[in-house]
Amino acid sequence: MTNIVKMPAHEYHALPRLSSSILRKASSRSTYRHALETPVQSSPEMELGTAIHAMLLGTWDEEIATMPEDAVDATSLPGLKAYAESLGGKRRRSLAEQKTEIRSLKPDVIFSDEVEVDEGKLLVTPDLVERVTRICESVTANPYAAGMLASSVPESTALWDEDHDGHAIPSKARADLLHDTALIDVKTTSRRDVVADPAAFTRHLYNYGWHRQLDWYSRGFGERSATYVIAIYAGDPSLCEVYQVSRDFLDIGKQANDIALDRIVSWERHPDGWDGPSADATGR
């Protein structure tokens, strides 16, 4: 039985259940365990994608905090050096020394790493907000994407036990958009060809395992008559296209996911087996 619920993104990610991203790491026992035990490290690309999702899907206030406009970026030493010089200060060797120098010149300065943020929220700069706004305008200018955003339920979570070979695996999935007849995922990329060229999109879909992710969603939320990807190029100028993913690709994703589930079940049944990708009955 599947429970479909609403919850903040950080609560979802903290749930100790099998997700599509972890399942795709089950090429060997060690990579699988590492994925289970290691939090995903954020990156500028991931933060941009998170902000775009939040603005498009209406979860901005829940997931995003905007840095005060007068805050000084404390992550860039060259930037801090330039700022210190603008105040008549000296260039220092480290971030800590440079911040001390700046504070001696401007006691009321606000550094970005000192801004308090509620748990689970991503802190973004005003410049990033402007960039995300421009990107999202290009998405809503696409009539297909705009229609899907307006007629679908955003950010739903499915919780279920994936029954594989008689083994129940606590599982989870978080869908960007759910429609009565369709499942819709929002993807951002730094490659324009992935959005503009259907052939490049197809290769990217396969290479990055998006077809496996979409199959996993269909296991949690139930199969829909159609599956779509709203593909967004986050460069300048931004671009948005909507692609329908064929049943053939989803079937390929299902086969790959089933093989990974075979491995996981084998590893759990034979915890002292070989640490390789074999899926045989003895785990060797």
Protein backbone atom coordinates (compact mmCIF):
# COMPACT_ATOMS: atom_id res chain seq x y z
CA MET A 1 0.00 0.00 0.00
CA THR A 2 1.26 3.46 -0.93
CA ASN A 3 0.79 6.58 1.15
CA ILE A 4 0.88 9.83 -0.81
CA VAL A 5 1.62 12.75 1.50
CA LYS A 6 2.91 16.32 1.56
CA MET A 7 6.11 17.16 3.44
CA PRO A 8 9.01 19.63 3.23
CA ALA A 9 11.92 18.59 1.03
CA HIS A 10 14.43 18.34 3.90
CA GLU A 11 12.10 15.98 5.81
CA TYR A 12 11.72 13.83 2.71
CA HIS A 13 15.47 13.56 2.16
CA ALA A 14 15.97 12.58 5.81
CA LEU A 15 13.65 9.58 5.55
CA PRO A 16 15.67 6.31 5.82
CA ARG A 17 14.05 4.76 2.74
CA LEU A 18 15.24 3.65 -0.67
CA SER A 19 15.05 6.41 -3.27
CA SER A 20 15.72 6.44 -6.98
CA SER A 21 19.04 8.25 -6.52
CA ILE A 22 20.26 5.63 -4.03
CA LEU A 23 18.95 2.76 -6.16
CA ARG A 24 20.99 4.05 -9.11
CA LYS A 25 24.11 3.81 -6.94
CA ALA A 26 23.62 0.07 -6.35
CA SER A 27 26.30 -1.01 -8.80
CA SER A 28 28.27 -2.53 -5.92
CA ARG A 29 27.70 -3.05 -2.21
CA SER A 30 30.26 -0.39 -1.26
CA THR A 31 28.80 2.36 -3.48
CA TYR A 32 25.32 1.46 -2.28
CA ARG A 33 26.32 1.66 1.39
CA HIS A 34 28.15 4.92 0.76
CA ALA A 35 25.02 6.40 -0.83
CA LEU A 36 22.93 5.27 2.14
CA GLU A 37 25.28 6.69 4.75
CA THR A 38 26.61 9.86 3.08
CA PRO A 39 24.51 13.01 2.67
CA VAL A 40 24.51 14.44 -0.84
CA GLN A 41 27.00 17.30 -1.15
CA SER A 42 25.46 20.46 -2.54
CA SER A 43 26.89 22.32 -5.54
CA PRO A 44 26.09 25.60 -7.29
CA GLU A 45 24.32 23.66 -10.06
CA MET A 46 22.19 21.76 -7.54
CA GLU A 47 21.33 24.95 -5.67
CA LEU A 48 20.27 26.62 -8.91
CA GLY A 49 18.07 23.63 -9.75
CA THR A 50 16.54 23.67 -6.25
CA ALA A 51 15.72 27.37 -6.56
CA ILE A 52 14.17 26.92 -10.02
CA HIS A 53 12.03 24.04 -8.76
CA ALA A 54 10.91 26.03 -5.73
CA MET A 55 9.86 29.05 -7.80
CA LEU A 56 8.07 26.99 -10.44
CA LEU A 57 6.35 24.61 -8.04
CA GLY A 58 5.25 27.16 -5.45
CA THR A 59 7.46 26.04 -2.56
CA TRP A 60 9.72 29.11 -2.48
CA ASP A 61 8.75 30.31 1.00
CA GLU A 62 9.10 26.77 2.34
CA GLU A 63 12.50 25.99 0.84
CA ILE A 64 14.31 29.26 0.08
CA ALA A 65 15.69 32.15 2.14
CA THR A 66 17.00 35.29 0.42
CA MET A 67 20.23 36.80 1.65
CA PRO A 68 20.06 40.49 2.72
CA GLU A 69 21.15 42.74 -0.15
CA ASP A 70 23.90 44.33 1.94
CA ALA A 71 25.42 40.98 3.00
CA VAL A 72 29.00 40.32 1.89
CA ASP A 73 29.81 36.97 0.28
CA ALA A 74 32.12 35.21 2.76
CA THR A 75 32.93 32.25 0.51
CA SER A 76 35.20 34.07 -1.96
CA LEU A 77 38.60 35.24 -0.75
CA PRO A 78 39.24 37.35 -3.89
CA GLY A 79 35.86 38.99 -3.37
CA LEU A 80 36.63 39.72 0.27
CA LYS A 81 40.02 41.16 -0.65
CA ALA A 82 38.44 43.47 -3.20
CA TYR A 83 35.80 44.54 -0.69
CA ALA A 84 38.46 45.25 1.96
CA GLU A 85 40.41 47.37 -0.50
CA SER A 86 37.26 49.35 -1.32
CA LEU A 87 37.09 50.21 2.39
CA GLY A 88 40.74 51.22 2.46
CA GLY A 89 41.86 47.97 4.09
CA LYS A 90 44.61 45.46 3.37
CA ARG A 91 44.60 42.12 1.56
CA ARG A 92 44.96 39.12 3.90
CA ARG A 93 45.92 35.48 3.36
CA SER A 94 42.83 33.66 4.61
CA LEU A 95 39.06 34.09 4.73
CA ALA A 96 39.12 34.46 8.52
CA GLU A 97 41.87 37.09 8.48
CA GLN A 98 40.17 39.00 5.69
CA LYS A 99 36.83 38.99 7.52
CA THR A 100 38.56 40.30 10.66
CA GLU A 101 40.17 43.07 8.60
CA ILE A 102 36.82 44.06 7.10
CA ARG A 103 35.05 44.00 10.45
CA SER A 104 37.70 46.29 11.93
CA LEU A 105 36.83 48.78 9.22
CA LYS A 106 33.07 48.19 9.19
CA PRO A 107 31.84 46.76 12.53
CA ASP A 108 28.22 46.36 11.40
CA VAL A 109 29.08 44.31 8.28
CA ILE A 110 26.92 41.22 7.59
CA PHE A 111 28.76 38.21 6.19
CA SER A 112 26.83 35.61 4.20
CA ASP A 113 27.93 32.73 6.45
CA GLU A 114 26.51 34.52 9.50
CA VAL A 115 22.97 34.87 8.18
CA GLU A 116 20.59 32.65 10.17
CA VAL A 117 18.45 30.35 8.04
CA ASP A 118 15.60 28.07 9.12
CA GLU A 119 16.30 24.34 8.95
CA GLY A 120 15.99 22.91 5.48
CA LYS A 121 16.09 26.25 3.67
CA LEU A 122 18.57 27.18 0.96
CA LEU A 123 20.11 30.64 1.27
CA VAL A 124 20.32 32.42 -2.09
CA THR A 125 21.67 35.78 -3.16
CA PRO A 126 19.51 38.53 -4.71
CA ASP A 127 21.47 38.05 -7.97
CA LEU A 128 20.49 34.38 -8.02
CA VAL A 129 16.85 35.30 -7.41
CA GLU A 130 16.95 37.54 -10.48
CA ARG A 131 18.52 34.79 -12.55
CA VAL A 132 15.98 32.20 -11.40
CA THR A 133 13.13 34.59 -12.16
CA ARG A 134 14.36 35.04 -15.75
CA ILE A 135 14.70 31.28 -16.22
CA CYS A 136 11.22 30.60 -14.85
CA GLU A 137 9.74 33.22 -17.18
CA SER A 138 11.12 31.23 -20.11
CA VAL A 139 9.44 28.11 -18.72
CA THR A 140 6.00 29.67 -18.28
CA ALA A 141 6.33 31.16 -21.79
CA ASN A 142 6.18 27.58 -23.10
CA PRO A 143 2.43 26.86 -23.36
CA TYR A 144 2.85 23.13 -22.75
CA ALA A 145 4.95 23.63 -19.63
CA ALA A 146 2.65 26.41 -18.40
CA GLY A 147 -0.39 24.18 -18.81
CA MET A 148 1.23 21.33 -16.91
CA LEU A 149 2.28 23.63 -14.07
CA ALA A 150 -1.23 25.07 -13.81
CA SER A 151 -3.12 21.76 -13.87
CA SER A 152 -0.94 19.46 -11.75
CA VAL A 153 -0.27 18.88 -8.06
CA PRO A 154 3.33 19.83 -7.13
CA GLU A 155 5.80 18.12 -4.82
CA SER A 156 3.98 15.00 -3.66
CA THR A 157 5.73 12.25 -1.71
CA ALA A 158 4.99 8.54 -2.08
CA LEU A 159 5.91 6.11 0.71
CA TRP A 160 5.62 2.39 0.13
CA ASP A 161 7.33 -0.98 0.57
CA GLU A 162 8.80 -2.19 -2.71
CA ASP A 163 8.13 -5.94 -2.84
CA HIS A 164 10.99 -7.58 -4.71
CA ASP A 165 11.56 -11.32 -4.71
CA GLY A 166 9.59 -11.66 -1.48
CA HIS A 167 11.61 -8.93 0.23
CA ALA A 168 9.87 -5.70 1.31
CA ILE A 169 12.10 -2.65 0.92
CA PRO A 170 10.91 0.63 2.52
CA SER A 171 10.90 3.07 -0.40
CA LYS A 172 10.13 6.69 -1.25
CA ALA A 173 9.72 9.01 -4.22
CA ARG A 174 9.03 12.73 -4.60
CA ALA A 175 7.28 13.76 -7.82
CA ASP A 176 7.59 17.28 -9.15
CA LEU A 177 4.14 17.30 -10.75
CA LEU A 178 1.28 14.81 -10.65
CA HIS A 179 -1.66 14.97 -13.05
CA ASP A 180 -4.60 12.56 -13.17
CA THR A 181 -3.29 11.14 -16.43
CA ALA A 182 0.39 12.08 -16.38
CA LEU A 183 3.55 12.10 -14.32
CA ILE A 184 5.75 15.14 -14.98
CA ASP A 185 9.34 15.75 -13.92
CA VAL A 186 11.22 19.06 -14.08
CA LYS A 187 14.89 18.85 -15.09
CA THR A 188 17.49 21.59 -15.36
CA THR A 189 20.73 21.33 -17.30
CA SER A 190 23.72 23.50 -18.17
CA ARG A 191 23.77 22.05 -21.71
CA ARG A 192 21.63 23.83 -24.27
CA ASP A 193 21.70 20.90 -26.73
CA VAL A 194 20.02 18.62 -24.19
CA VAL A 195 16.96 20.87 -24.32
CA ALA A 196 17.10 22.03 -27.94
CA ASP A 197 17.97 18.71 -29.64
CA PRO A 198 15.69 15.67 -29.17
CA ALA A 199 18.55 13.27 -29.96
CA ALA A 200 20.79 14.90 -27.33
CA PHE A 201 17.90 14.81 -24.85
CA THR A 202 17.42 11.09 -25.47
CA ARG A 203 21.11 10.33 -24.89
CA HIS A 204 21.14 12.46 -21.74
CA LEU A 205 17.98 10.78 -20.45
CA TYR A 206 19.65 7.40 -20.73
CA ASN A 207 23.15 8.37 -19.56
CA TYR A 208 21.89 10.12 -16.43
CA GLY A 209 19.31 7.47 -15.57
CA TRP A 210 16.28 9.72 -15.84
CA HIS A 211 14.31 6.81 -17.33
CA ARG A 212 15.10 4.80 -14.19
CA GLN A 213 13.98 7.65 -11.97
CA LEU A 214 10.68 7.94 -13.84
CA ASP A 215 10.08 4.19 -13.58
CA TRP A 216 10.68 4.46 -9.83
CA TYR A 217 8.10 7.24 -9.62
CA SER A 218 5.55 5.07 -11.42
CA ARG A 219 6.11 2.33 -8.83
CA GLY A 220 5.34 4.76 -6.02
CA PHE A 221 2.57 6.84 -7.56
CA GLY A 222 1.12 4.27 -9.95
CA GLU A 223 1.43 4.24 -13.72
CA ARG A 224 -0.05 7.13 -15.67
CA SER A 225 -1.01 7.11 -19.34
CA ALA A 226 1.85 9.49 -20.14
CA THR A 227 5.18 10.61 -18.69
CA TYR A 228 6.78 13.96 -19.48
CA VAL A 229 9.96 15.90 -18.73
CA ILE A 230 9.96 19.69 -18.62
CA ALA A 231 13.56 20.26 -19.72
CA ILE A 232 15.12 23.62 -18.84
CA TYR A 233 18.40 25.04 -20.09
CA ALA A 234 19.60 27.28 -17.24
CA GLY A 235 22.10 29.26 -19.30
CA ASP A 236 21.63 32.63 -20.96
CA PRO A 237 19.32 32.89 -22.76
CA SER A 238 17.40 30.12 -21.05
CA LEU A 239 15.26 27.66 -22.95
CA CYS A 240 12.43 25.26 -22.10
CA GLU A 241 11.04 22.29 -24.03
CA VAL A 242 8.64 19.52 -23.01
CA TYR A 243 9.40 15.92 -23.97
CA GLN A 244 7.23 12.84 -23.63
CA VAL A 245 9.15 9.76 -22.50
CA SER A 246 8.16 6.63 -24.38
CA ARG A 247 6.97 3.42 -22.74
CA ASP A 248 9.98 1.66 -24.29
CA PHE A 249 12.39 3.88 -22.35
CA LEU A 250 10.46 3.37 -19.12
CA ASP A 251 10.60 -0.40 -19.65
CA ILE A 252 14.38 -0.18 -20.06
CA GLY A 253 14.49 1.81 -16.82
CA LYS A 254 12.36 -0.83 -15.10
CA GLN A 255 14.72 -3.61 -16.18
CA ALA A 256 17.74 -1.69 -14.86
CA ASN A 257 15.97 -0.96 -11.57
CA ASP A 258 14.98 -4.62 -11.17
CA ILE A 259 18.61 -5.67 -11.62
CA ALA A 260 19.67 -3.17 -8.95
CA LEU A 261 16.94 -4.45 -6.63
CA ASP A 262 18.22 -8.01 -7.22
CA ARG A 263 21.61 -6.86 -5.94
CA ILE A 264 20.19 -5.10 -2.89
CA VAL A 265 18.11 -8.11 -1.88
CA SER A 266 21.11 -10.40 -2.36
CA TRP A 267 23.32 -8.13 -0.22
CA GLU A 268 20.75 -8.02 2.56
CA ARG A 269 20.33 -11.80 2.51
CA HIS A 270 24.09 -12.39 2.38
CA PRO A 271 25.66 -9.52 4.35
CA ASP A 272 29.11 -11.16 4.33
CA GLY A 273 29.15 -11.84 0.60
CA TRP A 274 31.44 -10.41 -2.04
CA ASP A 275 31.56 -6.62 -2.31
CA GLY A 276 31.02 -6.65 -6.06
CA PRO A 277 28.11 -6.21 -8.45
CA SER A 278 27.16 -9.88 -8.76
CA ALA A 279 23.50 -10.69 -8.19
CA ASP A 280 23.69 -14.46 -7.88
CA ALA A 281 21.98 -16.37 -5.09
CA THR A 282 25.12 -16.72 -2.95
CA GLY A 283 26.21 -13.11 -3.29
CA ARG A 284 29.58 -14.26 -4.70
